[in-house]
Every structure is written in structure tokens, then in C-alpha cells.
Amino acid sequence: MEYTWASAVAVLVVVAIELFWLRTGIFTKLTFWISYAIIVFFQVVVDGWLTKLSAPIVLYNRDENSGIRFPWDIPVEDYLFGFALIVLTILLWERAGGKGRGPAPGGGGSTTRTGTGPTPPR
């Protein structure tokens, strides 16, 4: 059950990183959960095809996982590892500044003026 333990630990570590260190608040954002639902949909489609017991492309050592498969023969541990990988990626993206957090270095910023004062010549 090494795969089971490793996937559970991965989830716990990533959740702890969010709750106790980075504190981005992604678990409270609807956009995160909608995005994650979309990811899981495609994970089920692809992982279901890769792990179907009738003609598997990916094989798992039965001694290393829980043996619980849902749906279409997908090991539940795949969902745990998938969650950990996706959340960690999003957390690191948020920590790095993410998209739309101001001008890129040397990018000059927005062309729309919102302050008062003279308009610079063009």
C-alpha cells in the first residue's frame, strides 16, 4: 500500500503548505473548484482509458495500492496524486505572482491612465 500512503501524504503536505505557509486562499475561491472539476473530468477520461482492466496501458502493482478503483478502473490514489500535483502547481503560480498581477518587468505597464495630472506626450 505504498502508493496509497504516498498519495495521502502528498495531499496532506500540499494542503499544509497552503494552510500554514502560503495562505493564498485558493480553497475558498469558486474559480479554483470550477477549474478543478474541469481537470477531474479530463483526468477521468484519460486515466480511465489508460487504466481500464480490459486492456490496460498502465499497470499497477496490486500490493502497492488500496485496490479501490472508481470509475472505469481508475485507482483512487490517482485522484489524490492528481489533486496534490494540481494544487501545488497553482500554489506555486500564485506565489510567483500569477497572471495579471501588474506589468511584466520592463513591460511598461498599462496604456490606460487612471490618475490625475498632465498627460505625457505621445
C-alpha atoms as a PDB file:
ATOM      1  CA  MET A   1       0.000   0.000   0.000  1.00  0.00           C
ATOM      2  CA  GLU A   2       2.981   2.268  -0.579  1.00  0.00           C
ATOM      3  CA  TYR A   3       1.209   4.110  -3.423  1.00  0.00           C
ATOM      4  CA  THR A   4      -1.795   4.709  -1.155  1.00  0.00           C
ATOM      5  CA  TRP A   5       0.315   6.144   1.662  1.00  0.00           C
ATOM      6  CA  ALA A   6       2.428   8.252  -0.677  1.00  0.00           C
ATOM      7  CA  SER A   7      -0.625   9.772  -2.349  1.00  0.00           C
ATOM      8  CA  ALA A   8      -2.291  10.519   1.007  1.00  0.00           C
ATOM      9  CA  VAL A   9       0.896  12.118   2.344  1.00  0.00           C
ATOM     10  CA  ALA A  10       1.222  14.189  -0.840  1.00  0.00           C
ATOM     11  CA  VAL A  11      -2.273  15.615  -0.321  1.00  0.00           C
ATOM     12  CA  LEU A  12      -1.627  16.345   3.356  1.00  0.00           C
ATOM     13  CA  VAL A  13       1.680  18.071   2.618  1.00  0.00           C
ATOM     14  CA  VAL A  14       0.217  20.260  -0.132  1.00  0.00           C
ATOM     15  CA  VAL A  15      -2.812  21.219   1.967  1.00  0.00           C
ATOM     16  CA  ALA A  16      -0.484  22.046   4.871  1.00  0.00           C
ATOM     17  CA  ILE A  17       1.679  24.196   2.584  1.00  0.00           C
ATOM     18  CA  GLU A  18      -1.427  26.185   1.635  1.00  0.00           C
ATOM     19  CA  LEU A  19      -2.934  26.480   5.105  1.00  0.00           C
ATOM     20  CA  PHE A  20       0.197  27.142   7.146  1.00  0.00           C
ATOM     21  CA  TRP A  21       2.728  28.716   4.799  1.00  0.00           C
ATOM     22  CA  LEU A  22       1.493  30.235   1.521  1.00  0.00           C
ATOM     23  CA  ARG A  23      -2.077  31.095   2.566  1.00  0.00           C
ATOM     24  CA  THR A  24      -3.242  32.055  -0.914  1.00  0.00           C
ATOM     25  CA  GLY A  25      -6.863  31.252  -0.120  1.00  0.00           C
ATOM     26  CA  ILE A  26      -7.377  29.105  -3.220  1.00  0.00           C
ATOM     27  CA  PHE A  27      -9.579  26.619  -1.377  1.00  0.00           C
ATOM     28  CA  THR A  28     -12.102  29.409  -0.755  1.00  0.00           C
ATOM     29  CA  LYS A  29     -12.263  30.504  -4.408  1.00  0.00           C
ATOM     30  CA  LEU A  30     -15.055  29.244  -6.635  1.00  0.00           C
ATOM     31  CA  THR A  31     -12.803  29.605  -9.680  1.00  0.00           C
ATOM     32  CA  PHE A  32     -10.405  27.047  -8.185  1.00  0.00           C
ATOM     33  CA  TRP A  33     -13.154  24.464  -7.637  1.00  0.00           C
ATOM     34  CA  ILE A  34     -14.661  25.013 -11.100  1.00  0.00           C
ATOM     35  CA  SER A  35     -11.209  24.668 -12.664  1.00  0.00           C
ATOM     36  CA  TYR A  36     -10.508  21.570 -10.619  1.00  0.00           C
ATOM     37  CA  ALA A  37     -13.821  19.993 -11.702  1.00  0.00           C
ATOM     38  CA  ILE A  38     -12.828  20.535 -15.337  1.00  0.00           C
ATOM     39  CA  ILE A  39      -9.432  18.961 -14.666  1.00  0.00           C
ATOM     40  CA  VAL A  40     -11.010  15.934 -12.956  1.00  0.00           C
ATOM     41  CA  PHE A  41     -13.376  15.446 -15.897  1.00  0.00           C
ATOM     42  CA  PHE A  42     -10.432  15.139 -18.286  1.00  0.00           C
ATOM     43  CA  GLN A  43      -8.481  13.077 -15.757  1.00  0.00           C
ATOM     44  CA  VAL A  44     -11.332  10.557 -15.678  1.00  0.00           C
ATOM     45  CA  VAL A  45     -11.477  10.376 -19.464  1.00  0.00           C
ATOM     46  CA  VAL A  46      -7.724   9.903 -19.943  1.00  0.00           C
ATOM     47  CA  ASP A  47      -6.983   7.879 -16.809  1.00  0.00           C
ATOM     48  CA  GLY A  48      -9.998   5.655 -17.459  1.00  0.00           C
ATOM     49  CA  TRP A  49      -8.640   4.831 -20.898  1.00  0.00           C
ATOM     50  CA  LEU A  50      -5.101   4.238 -19.581  1.00  0.00           C
ATOM     51  CA  THR A  51      -6.061   2.023 -16.639  1.00  0.00           C
ATOM     52  CA  LYS A  52      -9.085   0.056 -17.866  1.00  0.00           C
ATOM     53  CA  LEU A  53      -8.662  -3.512 -16.730  1.00  0.00           C
ATOM     54  CA  SER A  54      -9.969  -4.930 -20.015  1.00  0.00           C
ATOM     55  CA  ALA A  55      -6.937  -3.601 -21.922  1.00  0.00           C
ATOM     56  CA  PRO A  56      -4.659  -1.616 -19.614  1.00  0.00           C
ATOM     57  CA  ILE A  57      -1.917   0.624 -20.920  1.00  0.00           C
ATOM     58  CA  VAL A  58      -0.698   1.439 -17.407  1.00  0.00           C
ATOM     59  CA  LEU A  59      -0.338  -1.410 -14.917  1.00  0.00           C
ATOM     60  CA  TYR A  60      -0.228  -1.066 -11.121  1.00  0.00           C
ATOM     61  CA  ASN A  61       1.260  -3.467  -8.612  1.00  0.00           C
ATOM     62  CA  ARG A  62      -1.817  -4.596  -6.675  1.00  0.00           C
ATOM     63  CA  ASP A  63       0.241  -4.932  -3.490  1.00  0.00           C
ATOM     64  CA  GLU A  64       1.153  -1.235  -3.579  1.00  0.00           C
ATOM     65  CA  ASN A  65      -2.318   0.354  -3.707  1.00  0.00           C
ATOM     66  CA  SER A  66      -5.682   0.020  -1.991  1.00  0.00           C
ATOM     67  CA  GLY A  67      -7.321  -1.868  -4.846  1.00  0.00           C
ATOM     68  CA  ILE A  68     -10.220   0.599  -4.896  1.00  0.00           C
ATOM     69  CA  ARG A  69     -10.943   1.701  -8.456  1.00  0.00           C
ATOM     70  CA  PHE A  70     -13.601   4.204  -9.479  1.00  0.00           C
ATOM     71  CA  PRO A  71     -14.906   4.811 -12.155  1.00  0.00           C
ATOM     72  CA  TRP A  72     -13.678   2.733 -15.088  1.00  0.00           C
ATOM     73  CA  ASP A  73     -10.954   1.021 -13.111  1.00  0.00           C
ATOM     74  CA  ILE A  74      -9.130   4.224 -12.087  1.00  0.00           C
ATOM     75  CA  PRO A  75      -7.193   3.720  -8.832  1.00  0.00           C
ATOM     76  CA  VAL A  76      -8.411   6.229  -6.225  1.00  0.00           C
ATOM     77  CA  GLU A  77      -4.775   7.063  -5.487  1.00  0.00           C
ATOM     78  CA  ASP A  78      -4.549   8.675  -8.929  1.00  0.00           C
ATOM     79  CA  TYR A  79      -7.100  11.271  -7.808  1.00  0.00           C
ATOM     80  CA  LEU A  80      -5.086  12.002  -4.675  1.00  0.00           C
ATOM     81  CA  PHE A  81      -1.813  12.441  -6.538  1.00  0.00           C
ATOM     82  CA  GLY A  82      -3.606  14.470  -9.206  1.00  0.00           C
ATOM     83  CA  PHE A  83      -5.059  16.786  -6.560  1.00  0.00           C
ATOM     84  CA  ALA A  84      -1.657  17.255  -4.932  1.00  0.00           C
ATOM     85  CA  LEU A  85       0.071  17.988  -8.256  1.00  0.00           C
ATOM     86  CA  ILE A  86      -2.571  20.441  -9.480  1.00  0.00           C
ATOM     87  CA  VAL A  87      -2.865  22.290  -6.171  1.00  0.00           C
ATOM     88  CA  LEU A  88       0.904  22.548  -5.751  1.00  0.00           C
ATOM     89  CA  THR A  89       1.237  23.933  -9.268  1.00  0.00           C
ATOM     90  CA  ILE A  90      -1.459  26.543  -8.635  1.00  0.00           C
ATOM     91  CA  LEU A  91       0.069  27.457  -5.266  1.00  0.00           C
ATOM     92  CA  LEU A  92       3.479  27.980  -6.823  1.00  0.00           C
ATOM     93  CA  TRP A  93       1.932  30.014  -9.635  1.00  0.00           C
ATOM     94  CA  GLU A  94       0.134  32.210  -7.102  1.00  0.00           C
ATOM     95  CA  ARG A  95       3.307  32.573  -5.042  1.00  0.00           C
ATOM     96  CA  ALA A  96       5.268  33.614  -8.134  1.00  0.00           C
ATOM     97  CA  GLY A  97       2.760  36.348  -8.895  1.00  0.00           C
ATOM     98  CA  GLY A  98       0.438  34.624 -11.328  1.00  0.00           C
ATOM     99  CA  LYS A  99      -1.087  36.178 -14.414  1.00  0.00           C
ATOM    100  CA  GLY A 100      -2.276  39.762 -14.447  1.00  0.00           C
ATOM    101  CA  ARG A 101      -0.535  40.940 -11.279  1.00  0.00           C
ATOM    102  CA  GLY A 102       0.880  44.104 -12.755  1.00  0.00           C
ATOM    103  CA  PRO A 103       3.269  44.838 -15.574  1.00  0.00           C
ATOM    104  CA  ALA A 104       5.918  42.365 -16.512  1.00  0.00           C
ATOM    105  CA  PRO A 105       9.482  43.505 -15.804  1.00  0.00           C
ATOM    106  CA  GLY A 106      10.378  46.025 -18.487  1.00  0.00           C
ATOM    107  CA  GLY A 107       6.881  45.768 -19.957  1.00  0.00           C
ATOM    108  CA  GLY A 108       5.900  49.379 -19.320  1.00  0.00           C
ATOM    109  CA  GLY A 109       2.518  48.657 -17.775  1.00  0.00           C
ATOM    110  CA  SER A 110      -0.959  49.630 -18.895  1.00  0.00           C
ATOM    111  CA  THR A 111      -1.739  52.177 -21.581  1.00  0.00           C
ATOM    112  CA  THR A 112      -4.857  53.370 -19.718  1.00  0.00           C
ATOM    113  CA  ARG A 113      -4.341  56.340 -17.385  1.00  0.00           C
ATOM    114  CA  THR A 114      -6.367  56.400 -14.201  1.00  0.00           C
ATOM    115  CA  GLY A 115      -4.625  59.167 -12.225  1.00  0.00           C
ATOM    116  CA  THR A 116      -4.769  62.957 -12.363  1.00  0.00           C
ATOM    117  CA  GLY A 117      -2.136  65.253 -13.753  1.00  0.00           C
ATOM    118  CA  PRO A 118      -0.830  66.120 -17.164  1.00  0.00           C
ATOM    119  CA  THR A 119      -0.969  63.601 -19.939  1.00  0.00           C
ATOM    120  CA  PRO A 120       2.504  62.745 -21.259  1.00  0.00           C
ATOM    121  CA  PRO A 121       3.169  63.482 -24.928  1.00  0.00           C
ATOM    122  CA  ARG A 122       2.843  60.611 -27.350  1.00  0.00           C
END
